[in-house]
C-alpha atoms as a PDB file:
ATOM      1  CA  TYR A   1      21.548  11.585  58.595  1.00  0.00           C
ATOM      2  CA  ASP A   2      23.388  12.920  55.543  1.00  0.00           C
ATOM      3  CA  ILE A   3      23.875   9.411  54.146  1.00  0.00           C
ATOM      4  CA  PHE A   4      20.214   8.589  54.743  1.00  0.00           C
ATOM      5  CA  SER A   5      19.122  11.790  52.972  1.00  0.00           C
ATOM      6  CA  ALA A   6      21.458  11.062  50.059  1.00  0.00           C
ATOM      7  CA  VAL A   7      20.112   7.496  49.651  1.00  0.00           C
ATOM      8  CA  VAL A   8      16.486   8.667  49.861  1.00  0.00           C
ATOM      9  CA  GLY A   9      17.206  11.467  47.379  1.00  0.00           C
ATOM     10  CA  PHE A  10      18.918   9.035  45.022  1.00  0.00           C
ATOM     11  CA  LEU A  11      16.029   6.546  45.204  1.00  0.00           C
ATOM     12  CA  LEU A  12      13.476   9.298  44.660  1.00  0.00           C
ATOM     13  CA  ALA A  13      15.412  10.593  41.627  1.00  0.00           C
ATOM     14  CA  LEU A  14      15.600   7.031  40.279  1.00  0.00           C
ATOM     15  CA  VAL A  15      11.854   6.527  40.658  1.00  0.00           C
ATOM     16  CA  VAL A  16      11.068   9.893  39.044  1.00  0.00           C
ATOM     17  CA  SER A  17      13.424   9.172  36.126  1.00  0.00           C
ATOM     18  CA  GLN A  18      11.801   5.754  35.579  1.00  0.00           C
ATOM     19  CA  VAL A  19       8.339   7.324  35.551  1.00  0.00           C
ATOM     20  CA  VAL A  20       9.462   9.994  33.079  1.00  0.00           C
ATOM     21  CA  ILE A  21      11.093   7.388  30.802  1.00  0.00           C
ATOM     22  CA  SER A  22       7.980   5.225  30.979  1.00  0.00           C
ATOM     23  CA  LEU A  23       5.725   8.163  30.055  1.00  0.00           C
ATOM     24  CA  ARG A  24       8.000   9.198  27.184  1.00  0.00           C
ATOM     25  CA  LEU A  25       8.118   5.650  25.865  1.00  0.00           C
ATOM     26  CA  ARG A  26       4.335   5.335  26.018  1.00  0.00           C
ATOM     27  CA  ASP A  27       3.999   8.705  24.236  1.00  0.00           C
ATOM     28  CA  PHE A  28       6.473   7.578  21.548  1.00  0.00           C
ATOM     29  CA  ARG A  29       4.579   4.316  20.988  1.00  0.00           C
ATOM     30  CA  ALA A  30       1.264   6.150  20.722  1.00  0.00           C
ATOM     31  CA  ARG A  31       2.688   8.657  18.239  1.00  0.00           C
ATOM     32  CA  GLU A  32       4.200   5.840  16.188  1.00  0.00           C
ATOM     33  CA  ARG A  33       0.885   3.947  16.190  1.00  0.00           C
ATOM     34  CA  TYR A  34      -0.991   7.070  15.054  1.00  0.00           C
ATOM     35  CA  ARG A  35       1.643   7.791  12.398  1.00  0.00           C
ATOM     36  CA  LYS A  36       1.245   4.287  10.977  1.00  0.00           C
ATOM     37  CA  LEU A  37      -2.541   4.559  11.113  1.00  0.00           C
ATOM     38  CA  SER A  38      -2.376   7.860   9.239  1.00  0.00           C
ATOM     39  CA  GLN A  39      -0.495   6.141   6.411  1.00  0.00           C
ATOM     40  CA  ARG A  40      -2.807   3.161   6.033  1.00  0.00           C
ATOM     41  CA  ASP A  41      -6.103   2.655   4.308  1.00  0.00           C
ATOM     42  CA  THR A  42      -8.032   1.072   7.165  1.00  0.00           C
ATOM     43  CA  LEU A  43     -10.406  -0.863   4.897  1.00  0.00           C
ATOM     44  CA  CYS A  44      -7.794  -2.541   2.700  1.00  0.00           C
ATOM     45  CA  GLY A  45      -4.772  -2.663   5.005  1.00  0.00           C
ATOM     46  CA  VAL A  46      -2.453  -1.102   2.412  1.00  0.00           C
ATOM     47  CA  TYR A  47      -0.938   2.368   2.172  1.00  0.00           C
ATOM     48  CA  ASN A  48      -3.300   5.268   1.534  1.00  0.00           C
ATOM     49  CA  LYS A  49      -2.704   7.572  -1.437  1.00  0.00           C
ATOM     50  CA  GLY A  50      -0.710  10.158   0.498  1.00  0.00           C
ATOM     51  CA  ALA A  51       1.746   7.624   1.872  1.00  0.00           C
ATOM     52  CA  LEU A  52       1.905   5.771  -1.459  1.00  0.00           C
ATOM     53  CA  VAL A  53       2.775   8.922  -3.404  1.00  0.00           C
ATOM     54  CA  ALA A  54       5.336   9.986  -0.769  1.00  0.00           C
ATOM     55  CA  ILE A  55       7.091   6.598  -0.865  1.00  0.00           C
ATOM     56  CA  ALA A  56       7.080   6.417  -4.679  1.00  0.00           C
ATOM     57  CA  THR A  57       8.336   9.988  -5.021  1.00  0.00           C
ATOM     58  CA  ALA A  58      11.098   9.403  -2.470  1.00  0.00           C
ATOM     59  CA  TYR A  59      12.223   6.197  -4.210  1.00  0.00           C
ATOM     60  CA  ILE A  60      12.312   7.838  -7.635  1.00  0.00           C
ATOM     61  CA  SER A  61      14.209  10.873  -6.286  1.00  0.00           C
ATOM     62  CA  MET A  62      16.721   8.659  -4.500  1.00  0.00           C
ATOM     63  CA  ALA A  63      17.249   6.248  -7.416  1.00  0.00           C
ATOM     64  CA  ASN A  64      17.442   8.789 -10.257  1.00  0.00           C
ATOM     65  CA  PRO A  65      18.965   8.696 -12.821  1.00  0.00           C
ATOM     66  CA  HIS A  66      19.023   4.885 -12.534  1.00  0.00           C
ATOM     67  CA  VAL A  67      15.482   3.870 -11.572  1.00  0.00           C
ATOM     68  CA  PHE A  68      14.656   0.171 -11.773  1.00  0.00           C
ATOM     69  CA  GLY A  69      11.216  -1.184 -11.014  1.00  0.00           C
ATOM     70  CA  THR A  70       7.703  -2.049 -12.039  1.00  0.00           C
ATOM     71  CA  VAL A  71       4.635   0.065 -11.393  1.00  0.00           C
ATOM     72  CA  MET A  72       1.159  -1.412 -11.686  1.00  0.00           C
ATOM     73  CA  LEU A  73      -2.041   0.605 -11.652  1.00  0.00           C
ATOM     74  CA  ILE A  74      -5.074  -1.595 -11.038  1.00  0.00           C
ATOM     75  CA  ASP A  75      -8.734  -0.692 -11.426  1.00  0.00           C
ATOM     76  CA  ILE A  76     -11.583  -3.007 -10.403  1.00  0.00           C
ATOM     77  CA  ASP A  77     -13.827  -3.368 -13.433  1.00  0.00           C
ATOM     78  CA  HIS A  78     -17.398  -2.088 -13.078  1.00  0.00           C
ATOM     79  CA  PHE A  79     -16.989  -1.554  -9.346  1.00  0.00           C
ATOM     80  CA  LYS A  80     -19.881   0.918  -9.167  1.00  0.00           C
ATOM     81  CA  GLN A  81     -22.180  -1.863 -10.350  1.00  0.00           C
ATOM     82  CA  VAL A  82     -20.955  -4.083  -7.516  1.00  0.00           C
ATOM     83  CA  ASN A  83     -21.956  -1.412  -4.994  1.00  0.00           C
ATOM     84  CA  ASP A  84     -25.254  -0.673  -6.777  1.00  0.00           C
ATOM     85  CA  ARG A  85     -26.324  -4.303  -7.182  1.00  0.00           C
ATOM     86  CA  PHE A  86     -24.961  -5.898  -4.016  1.00  0.00           C
ATOM     87  CA  GLY A  87     -24.540  -3.015  -1.585  1.00  0.00           C
ATOM     88  CA  HIS A  88     -21.599  -1.189  -0.125  1.00  0.00           C
ATOM     89  CA  TYR A  89     -20.805  -3.955   2.340  1.00  0.00           C
ATOM     90  CA  ALA A  90     -20.190  -6.329  -0.576  1.00  0.00           C
ATOM     91  CA  GLY A  91     -18.154  -3.631  -2.303  1.00  0.00           C
ATOM     92  CA  ASP A  92     -16.052  -3.240   0.832  1.00  0.00           C
ATOM     93  CA  GLU A  93     -15.466  -7.006   0.847  1.00  0.00           C
ATOM     94  CA  VAL A  94     -14.196  -6.816  -2.728  1.00  0.00           C
ATOM     95  CA  LEU A  95     -11.874  -3.914  -1.844  1.00  0.00           C
ATOM     96  CA  ARG A  96     -10.639  -5.695   1.278  1.00  0.00           C
ATOM     97  CA  GLY A  97     -10.042  -8.831  -0.776  1.00  0.00           C
ATOM     98  CA  MET A  98      -8.032  -6.835  -3.318  1.00  0.00           C
ATOM     99  CA  GLY A  99      -5.816  -5.444  -0.557  1.00  0.00           C
ATOM    100  CA  GLU A 100      -5.225  -8.923   0.854  1.00  0.00           C
ATOM    101  CA  ALA A 101      -4.572 -10.395  -2.596  1.00  0.00           C
ATOM    102  CA  LEU A 102      -1.997  -7.735  -3.434  1.00  0.00           C
ATOM    103  CA  GLN A 103      -0.224  -8.174  -0.109  1.00  0.00           C
ATOM    104  CA  GLY A 104      -0.094 -11.934  -0.604  1.00  0.00           C
ATOM    105  CA  LEU A 105       1.043 -11.699  -4.213  1.00  0.00           C
ATOM    106  CA  PHE A 106       3.848  -9.157  -3.879  1.00  0.00           C
ATOM    107  CA  ARG A 107       6.982  -9.034  -1.752  1.00  0.00           C
ATOM    108  CA  ALA A 108       6.921  -7.450   1.697  1.00  0.00           C
ATOM    109  CA  ALA A 109       9.394  -4.851   0.388  1.00  0.00           C
ATOM    110  CA  ASP A 110       7.032  -3.793  -2.420  1.00  0.00           C
ATOM    111  CA  THR A 111       4.879  -0.720  -1.889  1.00  0.00           C
ATOM    112  CA  ILE A 112       1.154  -1.400  -2.225  1.00  0.00           C
ATOM    113  CA  GLY A 113      -1.463   1.276  -1.845  1.00  0.00           C
ATOM    114  CA  ARG A 114      -5.024   2.242  -2.533  1.00  0.00           C
ATOM    115  CA  PHE A 115      -4.699   5.001  -5.091  1.00  0.00           C
ATOM    116  CA  GLY A 116      -8.313   6.052  -4.775  1.00  0.00           C
ATOM    117  CA  GLY A 117     -11.777   4.523  -4.848  1.00  0.00           C
ATOM    118  CA  ASP A 118     -11.343   1.167  -6.560  1.00  0.00           C
ATOM    119  CA  GLU A 119      -7.831   1.846  -7.884  1.00  0.00           C
ATOM    120  CA  PHE A 120      -4.675   0.376  -6.409  1.00  0.00           C
ATOM    121  CA  MET A 121      -1.010   0.902  -7.183  1.00  0.00           C
ATOM    122  CA  VAL A 122       2.000  -1.339  -6.700  1.00  0.00           C
ATOM    123  CA  LEU A 123       5.613  -0.186  -6.824  1.00  0.00           C
ATOM    124  CA  ALA A 124       7.957  -3.161  -7.048  1.00  0.00           C
ATOM    125  CA  GLU A 125      11.427  -1.663  -6.707  1.00  0.00           C
ATOM    126  CA  GLY A 126      14.038  -3.520  -8.712  1.00  0.00           C
ATOM    127  CA  LEU A 127      11.555  -5.760 -10.541  1.00  0.00           C
ATOM    128  CA  VAL A 128      12.228  -5.349 -14.266  1.00  0.00           C
ATOM    129  CA  ASP A 129      11.375  -8.822 -15.530  1.00  0.00           C
ATOM    130  CA  GLU A 130       8.430  -8.534 -17.915  1.00  0.00           C
ATOM    131  CA  THR A 131       7.564 -12.229 -17.517  1.00  0.00           C
ATOM    132  CA  VAL A 132       7.337 -11.930 -13.739  1.00  0.00           C
ATOM    133  CA  ALA A 133       5.218  -8.771 -13.982  1.00  0.00           C
ATOM    134  CA  GLU A 134       2.822 -10.422 -16.447  1.00  0.00           C
ATOM    135  CA  ARG A 135       2.594 -13.551 -14.283  1.00  0.00           C
ATOM    136  CA  LYS A 136       1.719 -11.419 -11.250  1.00  0.00           C
ATOM    137  CA  ALA A 137      -1.008  -9.666 -13.268  1.00  0.00           C
ATOM    138  CA  ILE A 138      -2.476 -13.008 -14.375  1.00  0.00           C
ATOM    139  CA  GLU A 139      -2.368 -14.327 -10.804  1.00  0.00           C
ATOM    140  CA  LEU A 140      -4.087 -11.152  -9.592  1.00  0.00           C
ATOM    141  CA  GLN A 141      -6.836 -11.610 -12.190  1.00  0.00           C
ATOM    142  CA  ASP A 142      -7.387 -15.179 -10.959  1.00  0.00           C
ATOM    143  CA  LEU A 143      -7.491 -14.039  -7.335  1.00  0.00           C
ATOM    144  CA  MET A 144      -9.953 -11.250  -8.171  1.00  0.00           C
ATOM    145  CA  ARG A 145     -12.329 -13.728  -9.811  1.00  0.00           C
ATOM    146  CA  GLN A 146     -12.234 -15.831  -6.625  1.00  0.00           C
ATOM    147  CA  ILE A 147     -12.715 -12.772  -4.423  1.00  0.00           C
ATOM    148  CA  GLY A 148     -15.774 -11.778  -6.455  1.00  0.00           C
ATOM    149  CA  VAL A 149     -17.323 -15.227  -6.187  1.00  0.00           C
ATOM    150  CA  LYS A 150     -16.731 -15.238  -2.439  1.00  0.00           C
ATOM    151  CA  ALA A 151     -18.025 -11.683  -1.882  1.00  0.00           C
ATOM    152  CA  ILE A 152     -20.947 -11.428  -4.323  1.00  0.00           C
ATOM    153  CA  GLY A 153     -21.364 -14.838  -5.920  1.00  0.00           C
ATOM    154  CA  GLU A 154     -20.031 -13.579  -9.271  1.00  0.00           C
ATOM    155  CA  GLU A 155     -16.599 -13.140 -10.766  1.00  0.00           C
ATOM    156  CA  VAL A 156     -15.040  -9.687 -10.493  1.00  0.00           C
ATOM    157  CA  THR A 157     -12.240  -8.635 -12.819  1.00  0.00           C
ATOM    158  CA  CYS A 158      -9.735  -5.840 -12.876  1.00  0.00           C
ATOM    159  CA  SER A 159      -7.861  -3.908 -15.518  1.00  0.00           C
ATOM    160  CA  ILE A 160      -4.124  -3.517 -15.004  1.00  0.00           C
ATOM    161  CA  GLY A 161      -1.637  -1.069 -16.442  1.00  0.00           C
ATOM    162  CA  ILE A 162       1.992  -2.108 -16.125  1.00  0.00           C
ATOM    163  CA  LEU A 163       5.079   0.034 -16.576  1.00  0.00           C
ATOM    164  CA  LEU A 164       8.597  -1.371 -16.376  1.00  0.00           C
ATOM    165  CA  VAL A 165      11.302   1.188 -15.719  1.00  0.00           C
ATOM    166  CA  GLU A 166      14.804  -0.082 -16.373  1.00  0.00           C
ATOM    167  CA  ASP A 167      17.769   2.148 -15.684  1.00  0.00           C
ATOM    168  CA  ALA A 168      15.985   5.359 -16.607  1.00  0.00           C
ATOM    169  CA  GLU A 169      15.655   8.862 -15.263  1.00  0.00           C
ATOM    170  CA  VAL A 170      11.987   9.509 -14.530  1.00  0.00           C
ATOM    171  CA  THR A 171       9.711  11.623 -12.374  1.00  0.00           C
ATOM    172  CA  TYR A 172       6.748  10.451 -10.374  1.00  0.00           C
ATOM    173  CA  GLU A 173       4.483  12.444 -12.686  1.00  0.00           C
ATOM    174  CA  SER A 174       5.896  10.848 -15.846  1.00  0.00           C
ATOM    175  CA  VAL A 175       5.575   7.370 -14.352  1.00  0.00           C
ATOM    176  CA  LEU A 176       1.990   8.065 -13.330  1.00  0.00           C
ATOM    177  CA  ARG A 177       1.095   9.356 -16.813  1.00  0.00           C
ATOM    178  CA  GLU A 178       2.578   6.291 -18.523  1.00  0.00           C
ATOM    179  CA  VAL A 179       1.095   3.680 -16.195  1.00  0.00           C
ATOM    180  CA  ASP A 180      -2.272   5.466 -16.321  1.00  0.00           C
ATOM    181  CA  GLU A 181      -2.170   5.319 -20.124  1.00  0.00           C
ATOM    182  CA  ALA A 182      -1.320   1.596 -19.914  1.00  0.00           C
ATOM    183  CA  LEU A 183      -4.339   1.091 -17.644  1.00  0.00           C
ATOM    184  CA  TYR A 184      -6.634   2.859 -20.093  1.00  0.00           C
ATOM    185  CA  GLU A 185      -5.170   0.771 -22.919  1.00  0.00           C
ATOM    186  CA  SER A 186      -6.158  -2.304 -20.931  1.00  0.00           C
ATOM    187  CA  LYS A 187      -9.686  -0.952 -20.493  1.00  0.00           C
ATOM    188  CA  ARG A 188     -10.004  -0.080 -24.198  1.00  0.00           C
ATOM    189  CA  ALA A 189      -8.873  -3.592 -25.072  1.00  0.00           C
ATOM    190  CA  GLY A 190     -11.879  -5.053 -23.256  1.00  0.00           C
ATOM    191  CA  ARG A 191     -10.938  -4.850 -19.563  1.00  0.00           C
ATOM    192  CA  ALA A 192      -9.861  -7.812 -17.453  1.00  0.00           C
END
């Protein structure tokens, strides 16, 4: 009787422990799924601004005083007119296309996010080749024209500010100021 009770008790404890582990694992997976969803812009499939800023700030803090990388700030030209003329669904298609284009154009290790509205940011850690950065910007312009034709039947362009940081001590705020100024320089020079 004692052996029988011990075996039954052991089996019951085993079953209970498996149920508890299963519930904890399911809870962990759900939390992880919600955490990832909270970091993503659901329309474009890239990081949202909060996650983007957190990742960029963490990288800069970790890498200082020897930061290497390229930051691009991208603004879809005349995006309000796209929404006004063709509707918000068409505007969403353009935004979604931009997210897909950026993800296809840059490395999986690069940080891509929707900075706000029709602005996107890319942080390419370690990329300090001006030729490569310019080529990526040109390729993005070509992709945006195609996205526009597909979404609204007209070309859509974007203005791009590019900042290369090579072995420098910077802050997130200083990087943002400089790349933002580069973006506005691009707009003043005629956009696209």
